[in-house]
Amino acid sequence: MKEDQRFGTMKKYVNLTLDVVLGLLAVLILIFMIRQLVDIATFIDKPMTPKNLSLVMQEIVAFFMLFEFIMMVIRYIQEGHHIPIRYLILICITAILRQLMVIHGESVQTLLLALSILFLVIVLFILNLSGHKSYAGFKNHGTDDKI
């Protein structure tokens, strides 16, 4: 029984340390997000040439990637130090959609990215049929699909 108690105490300290480190990571990401916003704001007074528009789109995509990292850190802490598989799949779909917005004129790459999204949606559908977790809100109703 004492080993279980020691393990529980050690686990509590490890989780606390992990939460502090992840909090520091979130603060650093917030700083980079502010920097991205400043970079995007510098394009306001420039003429919108195709090159400038492409640069603005890249800056916006980078901003949303940082936003997703912060949301993933928050979700990781909220879910008791694990990330649901469905959440990771949705992040992948979002990332692929962002990539589709940035690429232009490459039909083979567009087709492959669209097929990737279709595959991930099918995986979500299969996970939903398995009944491990409800899709809406990622609420845990039974068995976990932890990572």
C-alpha atoms as a PDB file:
ATOM      1  CA  MET A   1       0.000   0.000   0.000  1.00  0.00           C
ATOM      2  CA  LYS A   2       2.897   2.376   0.750  1.00  0.00           C
ATOM      3  CA  GLU A   3       4.265   1.931  -2.790  1.00  0.00           C
ATOM      4  CA  ASP A   4       0.878   2.938  -4.243  1.00  0.00           C
ATOM      5  CA  GLN A   5       0.859   5.988  -2.008  1.00  0.00           C
ATOM      6  CA  ARG A   6       4.414   6.943  -3.012  1.00  0.00           C
ATOM      7  CA  PHE A   7       3.550   6.427  -6.665  1.00  0.00           C
ATOM      8  CA  GLY A   8       0.464   8.641  -6.291  1.00  0.00           C
ATOM      9  CA  THR A   9       2.517  11.394  -4.649  1.00  0.00           C
ATOM     10  CA  MET A  10       5.210  11.144  -7.298  1.00  0.00           C
ATOM     11  CA  LYS A  11       2.605  11.197 -10.068  1.00  0.00           C
ATOM     12  CA  LYS A  12       1.064  14.334  -8.548  1.00  0.00           C
ATOM     13  CA  TYR A  13       4.441  16.131  -8.562  1.00  0.00           C
ATOM     14  CA  VAL A  14       5.240  14.999 -12.105  1.00  0.00           C
ATOM     15  CA  ASN A  15       1.831  16.237 -13.312  1.00  0.00           C
ATOM     16  CA  LEU A  16       2.323  19.553 -11.509  1.00  0.00           C
ATOM     17  CA  THR A  17       5.773  19.973 -13.086  1.00  0.00           C
ATOM     18  CA  LEU A  18       4.333  19.073 -16.477  1.00  0.00           C
ATOM     19  CA  ASP A  19       1.536  21.625 -16.052  1.00  0.00           C
ATOM     20  CA  VAL A  20       4.058  24.369 -15.161  1.00  0.00           C
ATOM     21  CA  VAL A  21       6.292  23.547 -18.139  1.00  0.00           C
ATOM     22  CA  LEU A  22       3.285  23.435 -20.481  1.00  0.00           C
ATOM     23  CA  GLY A  23       2.108  26.756 -19.048  1.00  0.00           C
ATOM     24  CA  LEU A  24       5.494  28.284 -19.850  1.00  0.00           C
ATOM     25  CA  LEU A  25       5.264  26.826 -23.346  1.00  0.00           C
ATOM     26  CA  ALA A  26       1.814  28.396 -23.752  1.00  0.00           C
ATOM     27  CA  VAL A  27       3.207  31.798 -22.693  1.00  0.00           C
ATOM     28  CA  LEU A  28       6.025  31.504 -25.245  1.00  0.00           C
ATOM     29  CA  ILE A  29       3.534  30.579 -27.954  1.00  0.00           C
ATOM     30  CA  LEU A  30       1.413  33.600 -26.992  1.00  0.00           C
ATOM     31  CA  ILE A  31       4.464  35.821 -27.435  1.00  0.00           C
ATOM     32  CA  PHE A  32       5.029  34.375 -30.908  1.00  0.00           C
ATOM     33  CA  MET A  33       1.331  34.875 -31.708  1.00  0.00           C
ATOM     34  CA  ILE A  34       1.623  38.560 -30.817  1.00  0.00           C
ATOM     35  CA  ARG A  35       4.680  38.766 -33.059  1.00  0.00           C
ATOM     36  CA  GLN A  36       2.692  37.157 -35.900  1.00  0.00           C
ATOM     37  CA  LEU A  37      -0.089  39.720 -35.428  1.00  0.00           C
ATOM     38  CA  VAL A  38       2.448  42.537 -35.665  1.00  0.00           C
ATOM     39  CA  ASP A  39       3.861  40.992 -38.856  1.00  0.00           C
ATOM     40  CA  ILE A  40       0.360  40.747 -40.330  1.00  0.00           C
ATOM     41  CA  ALA A  41      -0.355  44.366 -39.363  1.00  0.00           C
ATOM     42  CA  THR A  42       2.698  45.546 -41.304  1.00  0.00           C
ATOM     43  CA  PHE A  43       0.966  44.458 -44.514  1.00  0.00           C
ATOM     44  CA  ILE A  44      -1.980  46.827 -43.969  1.00  0.00           C
ATOM     45  CA  ASP A  45      -0.339  49.831 -45.632  1.00  0.00           C
ATOM     46  CA  LYS A  46       1.292  47.838 -48.453  1.00  0.00           C
ATOM     47  CA  PRO A  47      -0.431  47.384 -51.821  1.00  0.00           C
ATOM     48  CA  MET A  48      -2.043  43.974 -52.210  1.00  0.00           C
ATOM     49  CA  THR A  49      -0.010  42.445 -54.971  1.00  0.00           C
ATOM     50  CA  PRO A  50      -0.223  38.667 -55.492  1.00  0.00           C
ATOM     51  CA  LYS A  51       3.140  38.299 -53.725  1.00  0.00           C
ATOM     52  CA  ASN A  52       1.998  40.360 -50.710  1.00  0.00           C
ATOM     53  CA  LEU A  53      -1.293  38.471 -50.553  1.00  0.00           C
ATOM     54  CA  SER A  54       0.610  35.187 -50.520  1.00  0.00           C
ATOM     55  CA  LEU A  55       2.833  36.451 -47.688  1.00  0.00           C
ATOM     56  CA  VAL A  56      -0.211  37.598 -45.693  1.00  0.00           C
ATOM     57  CA  MET A  57      -1.825  34.178 -46.147  1.00  0.00           C
ATOM     58  CA  GLN A  58       1.354  32.479 -44.927  1.00  0.00           C
ATOM     59  CA  GLU A  59       1.475  34.734 -41.856  1.00  0.00           C
ATOM     60  CA  ILE A  60      -2.190  34.021 -41.086  1.00  0.00           C
ATOM     61  CA  VAL A  61      -1.627  30.275 -41.465  1.00  0.00           C
ATOM     62  CA  ALA A  62       1.352  30.483 -39.090  1.00  0.00           C
ATOM     63  CA  PHE A  63      -0.782  32.432 -36.597  1.00  0.00           C
ATOM     64  CA  PHE A  64      -3.494  29.788 -36.609  1.00  0.00           C
ATOM     65  CA  MET A  65      -0.930  27.026 -36.210  1.00  0.00           C
ATOM     66  CA  LEU A  66       0.309  28.730 -33.049  1.00  0.00           C
ATOM     67  CA  PHE A  67      -3.302  29.134 -31.908  1.00  0.00           C
ATOM     68  CA  GLU A  68      -3.892  25.405 -32.374  1.00  0.00           C
ATOM     69  CA  PHE A  69      -0.776  24.571 -30.364  1.00  0.00           C
ATOM     70  CA  ILE A  70      -2.072  26.637 -27.460  1.00  0.00           C
ATOM     71  CA  MET A  71      -5.480  25.000 -27.710  1.00  0.00           C
ATOM     72  CA  MET A  72      -3.840  21.572 -27.738  1.00  0.00           C
ATOM     73  CA  VAL A  73      -1.836  22.385 -24.587  1.00  0.00           C
ATOM     74  CA  ILE A  74      -5.009  23.588 -22.851  1.00  0.00           C
ATOM     75  CA  ARG A  75      -6.919  20.513 -24.032  1.00  0.00           C
ATOM     76  CA  TYR A  76      -4.113  18.224 -22.827  1.00  0.00           C
ATOM     77  CA  ILE A  77      -4.315  19.667 -19.321  1.00  0.00           C
ATOM     78  CA  GLN A  78      -8.144  19.674 -19.282  1.00  0.00           C
ATOM     79  CA  GLU A  79      -8.364  16.032 -20.389  1.00  0.00           C
ATOM     80  CA  GLY A  80      -6.225  14.781 -17.518  1.00  0.00           C
ATOM     81  CA  HIS A  81      -2.903  14.688 -19.373  1.00  0.00           C
ATOM     82  CA  HIS A  82      -3.985  12.944 -22.548  1.00  0.00           C
ATOM     83  CA  ILE A  83      -5.317  14.077 -25.906  1.00  0.00           C
ATOM     84  CA  PRO A  84      -8.295  12.289 -27.467  1.00  0.00           C
ATOM     85  CA  ILE A  85      -7.563  10.711 -30.845  1.00  0.00           C
ATOM     86  CA  ARG A  86     -10.538  12.502 -32.367  1.00  0.00           C
ATOM     87  CA  TYR A  87      -9.048  15.839 -31.382  1.00  0.00           C
ATOM     88  CA  LEU A  88      -5.768  14.995 -33.116  1.00  0.00           C
ATOM     89  CA  ILE A  89      -7.631  13.886 -36.252  1.00  0.00           C
ATOM     90  CA  LEU A  90      -9.569  17.153 -36.318  1.00  0.00           C
ATOM     91  CA  ILE A  91      -6.319  19.088 -35.954  1.00  0.00           C
ATOM     92  CA  CYS A  92      -4.929  17.161 -38.922  1.00  0.00           C
ATOM     93  CA  ILE A  93      -7.999  17.954 -41.026  1.00  0.00           C
ATOM     94  CA  THR A  94      -7.693  21.636 -40.111  1.00  0.00           C
ATOM     95  CA  ALA A  95      -3.993  21.655 -41.009  1.00  0.00           C
ATOM     96  CA  ILE A  96      -4.690  20.047 -44.381  1.00  0.00           C
ATOM     97  CA  LEU A  97      -7.436  22.588 -45.077  1.00  0.00           C
ATOM     98  CA  ARG A  98      -4.994  25.400 -44.293  1.00  0.00           C
ATOM     99  CA  GLN A  99      -2.491  23.866 -46.679  1.00  0.00           C
ATOM    100  CA  LEU A 100      -5.187  23.743 -49.374  1.00  0.00           C
ATOM    101  CA  MET A 101      -5.733  27.474 -48.909  1.00  0.00           C
ATOM    102  CA  VAL A 102      -2.043  28.222 -49.414  1.00  0.00           C
ATOM    103  CA  ILE A 103      -1.198  26.057 -52.445  1.00  0.00           C
ATOM    104  CA  HIS A 104      -2.229  27.309 -55.849  1.00  0.00           C
ATOM    105  CA  GLY A 105      -2.279  25.620 -59.215  1.00  0.00           C
ATOM    106  CA  GLU A 106      -0.901  22.230 -58.203  1.00  0.00           C
ATOM    107  CA  SER A 107      -3.750  19.893 -59.076  1.00  0.00           C
ATOM    108  CA  VAL A 108      -2.063  16.617 -58.060  1.00  0.00           C
ATOM    109  CA  GLN A 109      -1.177  17.975 -54.627  1.00  0.00           C
ATOM    110  CA  THR A 110      -4.709  19.376 -54.223  1.00  0.00           C
ATOM    111  CA  LEU A 111      -6.190  15.984 -55.108  1.00  0.00           C
ATOM    112  CA  LEU A 112      -3.910  14.181 -52.638  1.00  0.00           C
ATOM    113  CA  LEU A 113      -4.769  16.622 -49.856  1.00  0.00           C
ATOM    114  CA  ALA A 114      -8.491  16.231 -50.588  1.00  0.00           C
ATOM    115  CA  LEU A 115      -8.111  12.432 -50.461  1.00  0.00           C
ATOM    116  CA  SER A 116      -6.286  12.816 -47.143  1.00  0.00           C
ATOM    117  CA  ILE A 117      -9.215  14.767 -45.734  1.00  0.00           C
ATOM    118  CA  LEU A 118     -11.639  12.124 -47.022  1.00  0.00           C
ATOM    119  CA  PHE A 119      -9.578   9.392 -45.368  1.00  0.00           C
ATOM    120  CA  LEU A 120      -9.505  11.255 -42.034  1.00  0.00           C
ATOM    121  CA  VAL A 121     -13.258  11.853 -42.182  1.00  0.00           C
ATOM    122  CA  ILE A 122     -13.791   8.126 -42.778  1.00  0.00           C
ATOM    123  CA  VAL A 123     -11.579   7.378 -39.760  1.00  0.00           C
ATOM    124  CA  LEU A 124     -13.690   9.784 -37.663  1.00  0.00           C
ATOM    125  CA  PHE A 125     -16.841   8.069 -38.886  1.00  0.00           C
ATOM    126  CA  ILE A 126     -15.468   4.647 -37.928  1.00  0.00           C
ATOM    127  CA  LEU A 127     -14.430   5.933 -34.502  1.00  0.00           C
ATOM    128  CA  ASN A 128     -17.900   7.373 -34.052  1.00  0.00           C
ATOM    129  CA  LEU A 129     -19.454   4.000 -34.946  1.00  0.00           C
ATOM    130  CA  SER A 130     -17.235   2.237 -32.424  1.00  0.00           C
ATOM    131  CA  GLY A 131     -18.948   4.229 -29.679  1.00  0.00           C
ATOM    132  CA  HIS A 132     -15.875   4.855 -27.509  1.00  0.00           C
ATOM    133  CA  LYS A 133     -16.566   8.555 -27.170  1.00  0.00           C
ATOM    134  CA  SER A 134     -19.224  10.918 -28.336  1.00  0.00           C
ATOM    135  CA  TYR A 135     -18.074  13.054 -31.245  1.00  0.00           C
ATOM    136  CA  ALA A 136     -19.666  16.263 -29.987  1.00  0.00           C
ATOM    137  CA  GLY A 137     -17.526  18.009 -27.415  1.00  0.00           C
ATOM    138  CA  PHE A 138     -15.107  15.090 -27.015  1.00  0.00           C
ATOM    139  CA  LYS A 139     -16.852  14.028 -23.825  1.00  0.00           C
ATOM    140  CA  ASN A 140     -15.754  10.767 -22.281  1.00  0.00           C
ATOM    141  CA  HIS A 141     -18.636   8.291 -21.966  1.00  0.00           C
ATOM    142  CA  GLY A 142     -16.827   5.081 -21.305  1.00  0.00           C
ATOM    143  CA  THR A 143     -13.670   3.642 -22.704  1.00  0.00           C
ATOM    144  CA  ASP A 144     -10.872   6.076 -23.420  1.00  0.00           C
ATOM    145  CA  ASP A 145      -9.004   6.446 -26.653  1.00  0.00           C
ATOM    146  CA  LYS A 146      -5.966   7.954 -24.958  1.00  0.00           C
ATOM    147  CA  ILE A 147      -2.559   8.541 -26.352  1.00  0.00           C
END
